[in-house]
């Protein structure tokens, strides 16, 4: 199940674990990424809390935690090669995995149709 946030994060939810990344739209808006800072494994984050930072040739931007939970895994590959986020934002370019405090809270997020409507 894919869900989306107004801050342009996507979540692939499997049970009580969400894989989180930024959308293709966000990656296009940022331009070529040159740096990704990932959260620490074991960090407990609140919904809307700052989880990561990305820097591109255009700007720096924060990536927010879409739902409350604990970071269980990070994608070191994108820290080593930030261009993966640009080339495959919803695949190899994922940022982190989050064990959700409340898996039902994902129902508050947008589905793909609602997200596409929001970005126009």
C-alpha atoms as a PDB file:
ATOM      1  CA  UNK A   1       0.000   0.000   0.000  1.00  0.00           C
ATOM      2  CA  UNK A   2       1.469   3.359  -1.056  1.00  0.00           C
ATOM      3  CA  UNK A   3       0.601   6.543   0.836  1.00  0.00           C
ATOM      4  CA  UNK A   4       1.744  10.131   0.331  1.00  0.00           C
ATOM      5  CA  UNK A   5       2.163  13.289   2.409  1.00  0.00           C
ATOM      6  CA  UNK A   6       1.703  16.967   1.619  1.00  0.00           C
ATOM      7  CA  UNK A   7       5.464  17.308   2.178  1.00  0.00           C
ATOM      8  CA  UNK A   8       6.089  14.994  -0.817  1.00  0.00           C
ATOM      9  CA  UNK A   9       7.136  11.861   1.043  1.00  0.00           C
ATOM     10  CA  UNK A  10       5.902   8.431  -0.005  1.00  0.00           C
ATOM     11  CA  UNK A  11       5.397   5.439   2.262  1.00  0.00           C
ATOM     12  CA  UNK A  12       5.188   1.786   1.306  1.00  0.00           C
ATOM     13  CA  UNK A  13       3.469   0.140   4.238  1.00  0.00           C
ATOM     14  CA  UNK A  14       3.933  -3.544   5.020  1.00  0.00           C
ATOM     15  CA  UNK A  15       2.356  -4.518   8.331  1.00  0.00           C
ATOM     16  CA  UNK A  16       3.656  -2.054  10.923  1.00  0.00           C
ATOM     17  CA  UNK A  17       6.761  -1.041   8.947  1.00  0.00           C
ATOM     18  CA  UNK A  18       6.840   1.791   6.419  1.00  0.00           C
ATOM     19  CA  UNK A  19       9.586   2.328   3.872  1.00  0.00           C
ATOM     20  CA  UNK A  20       9.858   6.094   3.334  1.00  0.00           C
ATOM     21  CA  UNK A  21      11.285   8.207   0.525  1.00  0.00           C
ATOM     22  CA  UNK A  22      10.618  11.382  -1.414  1.00  0.00           C
ATOM     23  CA  UNK A  23       8.342  11.447  -4.423  1.00  0.00           C
ATOM     24  CA  UNK A  24       9.443  11.775  -8.018  1.00  0.00           C
ATOM     25  CA  UNK A  25       7.850  15.242  -8.007  1.00  0.00           C
ATOM     26  CA  UNK A  26      10.017  16.293  -5.042  1.00  0.00           C
ATOM     27  CA  UNK A  27      13.161  14.858  -6.621  1.00  0.00           C
ATOM     28  CA  UNK A  28      12.450  16.782  -9.849  1.00  0.00           C
ATOM     29  CA  UNK A  29      11.834  20.023  -7.933  1.00  0.00           C
ATOM     30  CA  UNK A  30      15.071  19.671  -5.967  1.00  0.00           C
ATOM     31  CA  UNK A  31      17.238  18.868  -8.965  1.00  0.00           C
ATOM     32  CA  UNK A  32      20.407  16.791  -8.768  1.00  0.00           C
ATOM     33  CA  UNK A  33      21.079  15.759  -5.183  1.00  0.00           C
ATOM     34  CA  UNK A  34      24.655  16.058  -3.959  1.00  0.00           C
ATOM     35  CA  UNK A  35      24.230  15.165  -0.257  1.00  0.00           C
ATOM     36  CA  UNK A  36      21.833  13.117   1.881  1.00  0.00           C
ATOM     37  CA  UNK A  37      21.915  13.012   5.679  1.00  0.00           C
ATOM     38  CA  UNK A  38      20.023  10.048   7.114  1.00  0.00           C
ATOM     39  CA  UNK A  39      18.526   9.580  10.587  1.00  0.00           C
ATOM     40  CA  UNK A  40      20.107   7.303  13.185  1.00  0.00           C
ATOM     41  CA  UNK A  41      18.806   3.740  13.460  1.00  0.00           C
ATOM     42  CA  UNK A  42      16.891   3.515  16.730  1.00  0.00           C
ATOM     43  CA  UNK A  43      15.800   7.168  16.656  1.00  0.00           C
ATOM     44  CA  UNK A  44      12.201   7.705  17.740  1.00  0.00           C
ATOM     45  CA  UNK A  45      10.532  10.391  15.656  1.00  0.00           C
ATOM     46  CA  UNK A  46       7.204  12.145  15.913  1.00  0.00           C
ATOM     47  CA  UNK A  47       4.933  12.728  12.945  1.00  0.00           C
ATOM     48  CA  UNK A  48       6.246  15.818  11.163  1.00  0.00           C
ATOM     49  CA  UNK A  49       9.636  15.646  12.870  1.00  0.00           C
ATOM     50  CA  UNK A  50      12.782  16.294  10.855  1.00  0.00           C
ATOM     51  CA  UNK A  51      14.147  12.923   9.721  1.00  0.00           C
ATOM     52  CA  UNK A  52      16.686  13.682   6.989  1.00  0.00           C
ATOM     53  CA  UNK A  53      18.277  16.515   5.088  1.00  0.00           C
ATOM     54  CA  UNK A  54      18.945  16.603   1.370  1.00  0.00           C
ATOM     55  CA  UNK A  55      21.065  19.078  -0.537  1.00  0.00           C
ATOM     56  CA  UNK A  56      20.945  19.651  -4.251  1.00  0.00           C
ATOM     57  CA  UNK A  57      22.659  22.026  -6.612  1.00  0.00           C
ATOM     58  CA  UNK A  58      19.577  24.260  -6.120  1.00  0.00           C
ATOM     59  CA  UNK A  59      18.748  24.096  -2.412  1.00  0.00           C
ATOM     60  CA  UNK A  60      18.757  22.240   0.882  1.00  0.00           C
ATOM     61  CA  UNK A  61      15.552  20.698   2.156  1.00  0.00           C
ATOM     62  CA  UNK A  62      14.350  18.645   5.094  1.00  0.00           C
ATOM     63  CA  UNK A  63      12.637  15.298   4.778  1.00  0.00           C
ATOM     64  CA  UNK A  64      10.020  14.872   7.477  1.00  0.00           C
ATOM     65  CA  UNK A  65       8.887  11.779   9.314  1.00  0.00           C
ATOM     66  CA  UNK A  66       5.409  11.090   7.916  1.00  0.00           C
ATOM     67  CA  UNK A  67       4.161   9.139  10.958  1.00  0.00           C
ATOM     68  CA  UNK A  68       5.395   8.533  14.501  1.00  0.00           C
ATOM     69  CA  UNK A  69       7.720   5.584  14.944  1.00  0.00           C
ATOM     70  CA  UNK A  70      11.227   4.252  15.323  1.00  0.00           C
ATOM     71  CA  UNK A  71      13.872   4.168  12.584  1.00  0.00           C
ATOM     72  CA  UNK A  72      14.771   0.514  12.012  1.00  0.00           C
ATOM     73  CA  UNK A  73      16.925   0.802   8.885  1.00  0.00           C
ATOM     74  CA  UNK A  74      18.486   3.465   6.675  1.00  0.00           C
ATOM     75  CA  UNK A  75      19.538   3.291   3.036  1.00  0.00           C
ATOM     76  CA  UNK A  76      23.284   3.934   3.201  1.00  0.00           C
ATOM     77  CA  UNK A  77      23.439   3.591  -0.606  1.00  0.00           C
ATOM     78  CA  UNK A  78      21.802   7.035  -1.074  1.00  0.00           C
ATOM     79  CA  UNK A  79      24.252   8.663   1.348  1.00  0.00           C
ATOM     80  CA  UNK A  80      27.084   7.173  -0.707  1.00  0.00           C
ATOM     81  CA  UNK A  81      25.424   8.049  -4.040  1.00  0.00           C
ATOM     82  CA  UNK A  82      22.659  10.695  -3.697  1.00  0.00           C
ATOM     83  CA  UNK A  83      21.902  10.481  -7.434  1.00  0.00           C
ATOM     84  CA  UNK A  84      19.986   7.234  -6.700  1.00  0.00           C
ATOM     85  CA  UNK A  85      17.223   9.418  -5.277  1.00  0.00           C
ATOM     86  CA  UNK A  86      16.962  11.277  -8.587  1.00  0.00           C
ATOM     87  CA  UNK A  87      17.165   8.191 -10.794  1.00  0.00           C
ATOM     88  CA  UNK A  88      14.826   5.925  -8.774  1.00  0.00           C
ATOM     89  CA  UNK A  89      13.027   7.934  -6.056  1.00  0.00           C
ATOM     90  CA  UNK A  90      10.355   5.324  -5.315  1.00  0.00           C
ATOM     91  CA  UNK A  91      12.674   2.323  -5.608  1.00  0.00           C
ATOM     92  CA  UNK A  92      16.403   2.203  -4.889  1.00  0.00           C
ATOM     93  CA  UNK A  93      16.242   5.806  -3.642  1.00  0.00           C
ATOM     94  CA  UNK A  94      14.295   5.072  -0.439  1.00  0.00           C
ATOM     95  CA  UNK A  95      15.504   6.840   2.707  1.00  0.00           C
ATOM     96  CA  UNK A  96      14.574   4.845   5.806  1.00  0.00           C
ATOM     97  CA  UNK A  97      12.312   2.210   7.320  1.00  0.00           C
ATOM     98  CA  UNK A  98      10.065   3.166  10.184  1.00  0.00           C
ATOM     99  CA  UNK A  99       8.389   0.840  12.688  1.00  0.00           C
ATOM    100  CA  UNK A 100       5.083   2.625  13.125  1.00  0.00           C
ATOM    101  CA  UNK A 101       3.744   3.409  16.587  1.00  0.00           C
ATOM    102  CA  UNK A 102       0.235   3.053  15.125  1.00  0.00           C
ATOM    103  CA  UNK A 103      -0.106   1.402  11.705  1.00  0.00           C
ATOM    104  CA  UNK A 104      -3.716   2.626  11.501  1.00  0.00           C
ATOM    105  CA  UNK A 105      -2.473   6.229  11.436  1.00  0.00           C
ATOM    106  CA  UNK A 106      -1.465   5.688   7.798  1.00  0.00           C
ATOM    107  CA  UNK A 107      -5.146   5.971   6.916  1.00  0.00           C
ATOM    108  CA  UNK A 108      -4.817   9.753   7.460  1.00  0.00           C
ATOM    109  CA  UNK A 109      -2.391  10.039   4.539  1.00  0.00           C
ATOM    110  CA  UNK A 110      -3.196  10.518   0.851  1.00  0.00           C
ATOM    111  CA  UNK A 111      -3.482   7.752  -1.686  1.00  0.00           C
ATOM    112  CA  UNK A 112      -1.788   8.140  -5.057  1.00  0.00           C
ATOM    113  CA  UNK A 113      -4.824   9.699  -6.762  1.00  0.00           C
ATOM    114  CA  UNK A 114      -5.164  12.357  -4.049  1.00  0.00           C
ATOM    115  CA  UNK A 115      -1.428  13.129  -4.202  1.00  0.00           C
ATOM    116  CA  UNK A 116      -1.467  13.475  -8.001  1.00  0.00           C
ATOM    117  CA  UNK A 117      -4.463  15.798  -7.694  1.00  0.00           C
ATOM    118  CA  UNK A 118      -2.599  17.922  -5.130  1.00  0.00           C
ATOM    119  CA  UNK A 119       0.506  18.378  -7.317  1.00  0.00           C
ATOM    120  CA  UNK A 120      -1.663  19.045 -10.347  1.00  0.00           C
END
